[in-house]
Amino acid sequence: MPKAYPAYPYVEPVAVDPSEDEIERLIRDMLSQSPAISLRDGGTLDPLCRALNVDVEYAAPPNEILLDVPLDGRAVIWLPRNGRPRHDRLMLAMGLGHWMLHVPNTRQLHPKAGVQALYKPASPRAMTEARRFAYQLLMPQSAFISLWYEGRAMLTAETLNVPTQAVYDRAKDLMLTAEPGAA
């Protein structure tokens, strides 16, 4: 695991305030470039990471860095060594969210600095945006709504291979009610 403060200068990702439509379009474009990659089955994100040229590594605690983009090296998403698969999948999608949403803009604003997305950032805005990206990537709205009303949180979490809490958070974001037609 890299140190939180490496030898090269770094900055945390700069938030870009994307709309839901912009995130959806970015995901659609990203997935259209790799048609063999399917996320519908709740499978691994490794092929998507390879397609985006992002490495995945595992580290022992403390796990401070989610995404590390050195000045002259490959981007790495760091996951806890003894993490839970569903949580790892969500964290991996959040790292990809930082990579897709924030790194290009941050690099443009800070060309002589690396980028590190921390698990506990100084400002939560970029992390919130990366989480929104992850939710849309792993729990697309139409599939999510269908699963939510079929079997609610447990079925949705199992089918999409995400933590149950993330399912509840996504339902809240989408303003879904407990039952179809309930107020």
Protein backbone atom coordinates (compact mmCIF):
# COMPACT_ATOMS: atom_id res chain seq x y z
CA MET A 1 0.00 0.00 0.00
CA PRO A 2 1.40 3.40 -0.86
CA LYS A 3 1.88 5.98 1.81
CA ALA A 4 -0.84 8.59 2.18
CA TYR A 5 1.77 11.26 1.48
CA PRO A 6 4.14 9.99 -1.20
CA ALA A 7 7.37 11.59 -2.37
CA TYR A 8 5.65 13.24 -5.33
CA PRO A 9 3.19 16.10 -4.85
CA TYR A 10 -0.44 15.04 -4.99
CA VAL A 11 -3.90 16.52 -4.76
CA GLU A 12 -7.27 15.03 -3.98
CA PRO A 13 -9.79 14.78 -6.82
CA VAL A 14 -11.61 17.96 -7.76
CA ALA A 15 -15.40 17.63 -7.83
CA VAL A 16 -17.04 18.34 -11.19
CA ASP A 17 -20.76 18.44 -10.24
CA PRO A 18 -22.03 16.06 -12.95
CA SER A 19 -25.74 15.61 -13.49
CA GLU A 20 -27.31 12.15 -13.34
CA ASP A 21 -27.68 12.26 -17.13
CA GLU A 22 -23.99 13.10 -17.57
CA ILE A 23 -22.97 10.19 -15.36
CA GLU A 24 -25.33 7.85 -17.21
CA ARG A 25 -23.99 9.00 -20.59
CA LEU A 26 -20.38 8.54 -19.42
CA ILE A 27 -21.14 5.00 -18.23
CA ARG A 28 -23.01 4.15 -21.43
CA ASP A 29 -20.09 5.45 -23.55
CA MET A 30 -17.54 3.61 -21.41
CA LEU A 31 -19.41 0.31 -21.66
CA SER A 32 -20.08 0.70 -25.38
CA GLN A 33 -16.33 0.73 -25.99
CA SER A 34 -16.06 -2.70 -24.37
CA PRO A 35 -19.18 -4.58 -25.56
CA ALA A 36 -17.97 -7.90 -24.14
CA ILE A 37 -18.16 -6.52 -20.59
CA SER A 38 -21.49 -7.12 -18.87
CA LEU A 39 -22.32 -5.90 -15.40
CA ARG A 40 -25.88 -7.25 -15.35
CA ASP A 41 -24.86 -10.52 -13.68
CA GLY A 42 -23.11 -8.89 -10.72
CA GLY A 43 -19.76 -10.27 -11.86
CA THR A 44 -16.27 -8.97 -11.46
CA LEU A 45 -15.19 -5.50 -12.55
CA ASP A 46 -11.68 -6.69 -13.43
CA PRO A 47 -12.27 -6.69 -17.22
CA LEU A 48 -13.55 -3.14 -17.03
CA CYS A 49 -10.51 -2.07 -15.00
CA ARG A 50 -8.21 -3.69 -17.57
CA ALA A 51 -10.07 -1.94 -20.40
CA LEU A 52 -9.61 1.40 -18.59
CA ASN A 53 -5.92 0.67 -17.84
CA VAL A 54 -6.40 0.72 -14.07
CA ASP A 55 -4.71 -1.81 -11.79
CA VAL A 56 -6.35 -3.29 -8.69
CA GLU A 57 -4.23 -4.07 -5.63
CA TYR A 58 -5.00 -5.27 -2.12
CA ALA A 59 -3.42 -3.82 0.99
CA ALA A 60 -3.29 -4.49 4.70
CA PRO A 61 -4.75 -1.83 7.03
CA PRO A 62 -4.63 1.06 7.31
CA ASN A 63 -6.45 1.53 4.03
CA GLU A 64 -6.17 5.26 3.43
CA ILE A 65 -6.05 5.48 -0.36
CA LEU A 66 -8.84 4.34 -2.67
CA LEU A 67 -7.33 5.51 -5.97
CA ASP A 68 -3.69 6.46 -6.54
CA VAL A 69 -2.72 8.08 -9.85
CA PRO A 70 1.03 8.80 -9.75
CA LEU A 71 2.59 11.40 -12.00
CA ASP A 72 4.38 8.81 -14.13
CA GLY A 73 2.66 5.52 -13.47
CA ARG A 74 -0.49 3.49 -13.82
CA ALA A 75 -3.55 4.24 -11.77
CA VAL A 76 -4.18 1.79 -8.93
CA ILE A 77 -7.38 1.19 -6.98
CA TRP A 78 -6.50 -0.07 -3.51
CA LEU A 79 -8.89 -2.42 -1.71
CA PRO A 80 -8.63 -3.86 1.81
CA ARG A 81 -6.89 -7.23 1.80
CA ASN A 82 -9.57 -8.89 3.92
CA GLY A 83 -12.52 -7.01 2.46
CA ARG A 84 -15.93 -8.42 1.70
CA PRO A 85 -16.59 -9.08 -2.01
CA ARG A 86 -19.73 -6.93 -2.27
CA HIS A 87 -18.04 -4.03 -0.52
CA ASP A 88 -14.93 -4.46 -2.64
CA ARG A 89 -17.07 -4.32 -5.78
CA LEU A 90 -18.66 -1.06 -4.62
CA MET A 91 -15.29 0.46 -3.68
CA LEU A 92 -13.85 -0.60 -7.02
CA ALA A 93 -16.74 1.10 -8.82
CA MET A 94 -16.16 4.24 -6.72
CA GLY A 95 -12.49 4.20 -7.69
CA LEU A 96 -13.55 3.97 -11.32
CA GLY A 97 -15.90 6.87 -10.69
CA HIS A 98 -12.98 9.00 -9.53
CA TRP A 99 -10.94 7.81 -12.51
CA MET A 100 -13.64 8.68 -15.05
CA LEU A 101 -15.15 11.79 -13.46
CA HIS A 102 -12.35 13.52 -11.60
CA VAL A 103 -8.88 12.53 -12.75
CA PRO A 104 -8.98 14.23 -16.19
CA ASN A 105 -10.17 17.55 -14.73
CA THR A 106 -7.87 17.35 -11.69
CA ARG A 107 -4.86 16.58 -13.89
CA GLN A 108 -5.71 19.58 -16.07
CA LEU A 109 -5.95 21.87 -13.03
CA HIS A 110 -2.84 20.38 -11.34
CA PRO A 111 -0.52 19.06 -14.10
CA LYS A 112 2.50 18.65 -11.81
CA ALA A 113 0.73 16.64 -9.12
CA GLY A 114 -0.46 13.09 -8.77
CA VAL A 115 -4.03 12.39 -7.71
CA GLN A 116 -5.08 10.42 -4.66
CA ALA A 117 -8.69 9.72 -3.76
CA LEU A 118 -8.75 8.93 -0.06
CA TYR A 119 -11.24 6.79 1.85
CA LYS A 120 -11.62 9.76 4.21
CA PRO A 121 -11.23 12.81 1.95
CA ALA A 122 -10.73 16.39 3.14
CA SER A 123 -13.85 17.37 1.19
CA PRO A 124 -16.63 14.81 0.60
CA ARG A 125 -17.98 16.27 -2.68
CA ALA A 126 -15.80 14.23 -5.03
CA MET A 127 -16.42 11.07 -2.97
CA THR A 128 -20.17 11.66 -3.17
CA GLU A 129 -19.91 12.03 -6.96
CA ALA A 130 -17.83 8.84 -7.21
CA ARG A 131 -20.46 7.03 -5.12
CA ARG A 132 -23.23 8.27 -7.47
CA PHE A 133 -21.19 6.96 -10.41
CA ALA A 134 -20.77 3.59 -8.67
CA TYR A 135 -24.49 3.33 -7.92
CA GLN A 136 -25.39 4.02 -11.54
CA LEU A 137 -22.74 1.62 -12.82
CA LEU A 138 -23.63 -1.27 -10.52
CA MET A 139 -27.34 -0.58 -10.03
CA PRO A 140 -28.74 0.89 -13.27
CA GLN A 141 -32.04 2.61 -12.61
CA SER A 142 -34.39 0.43 -14.69
CA ALA A 143 -32.95 -2.88 -13.48
CA PHE A 144 -32.78 -1.58 -9.92
CA ILE A 145 -36.41 -0.44 -9.84
CA SER A 146 -37.61 -3.76 -11.24
CA LEU A 147 -35.63 -5.75 -8.67
CA TRP A 148 -36.60 -3.41 -5.83
CA TYR A 149 -40.30 -3.97 -6.38
CA GLU A 150 -39.89 -7.71 -7.02
CA GLY A 151 -38.09 -8.58 -3.85
CA ARG A 152 -36.83 -5.45 -2.18
CA ALA A 153 -33.36 -5.04 -0.70
CA MET A 154 -32.08 -8.59 -0.20
CA LEU A 155 -32.96 -9.82 -3.69
CA THR A 156 -31.59 -6.64 -5.22
CA ALA A 157 -28.34 -6.87 -3.24
CA GLU A 158 -27.86 -10.54 -4.13
CA THR A 159 -28.70 -10.12 -7.81
CA LEU A 160 -26.56 -7.02 -8.36
CA ASN A 161 -23.83 -8.20 -5.95
CA VAL A 162 -23.71 -5.02 -3.86
CA PRO A 163 -23.98 -4.36 -0.12
CA THR A 164 -27.52 -4.20 1.22
CA GLN A 165 -26.91 -0.72 2.62
CA ALA A 166 -25.96 0.49 -0.86
CA VAL A 167 -29.31 -0.85 -2.11
CA TYR A 168 -31.17 1.16 0.54
CA ASP A 169 -29.10 4.25 -0.29
CA ARG A 170 -29.85 3.86 -4.02
CA ALA A 171 -33.58 3.41 -3.32
CA LYS A 172 -33.53 6.58 -1.22
CA ASP A 173 -31.69 8.46 -4.01
CA LEU A 174 -34.33 7.30 -6.48
CA MET A 175 -37.08 8.20 -3.98
CA LEU A 176 -38.59 4.71 -4.14
CA THR A 177 -41.32 3.89 -1.70
CA ALA A 178 -41.61 0.75 0.38
CA GLU A 179 -44.39 -0.62 -1.82
CA PRO A 180 -45.44 0.16 -5.38
CA GLY A 181 -48.00 2.96 -5.27
CA ALA A 182 -47.40 3.76 -1.58
CA ALA A 183 -47.19 7.42 -0.64
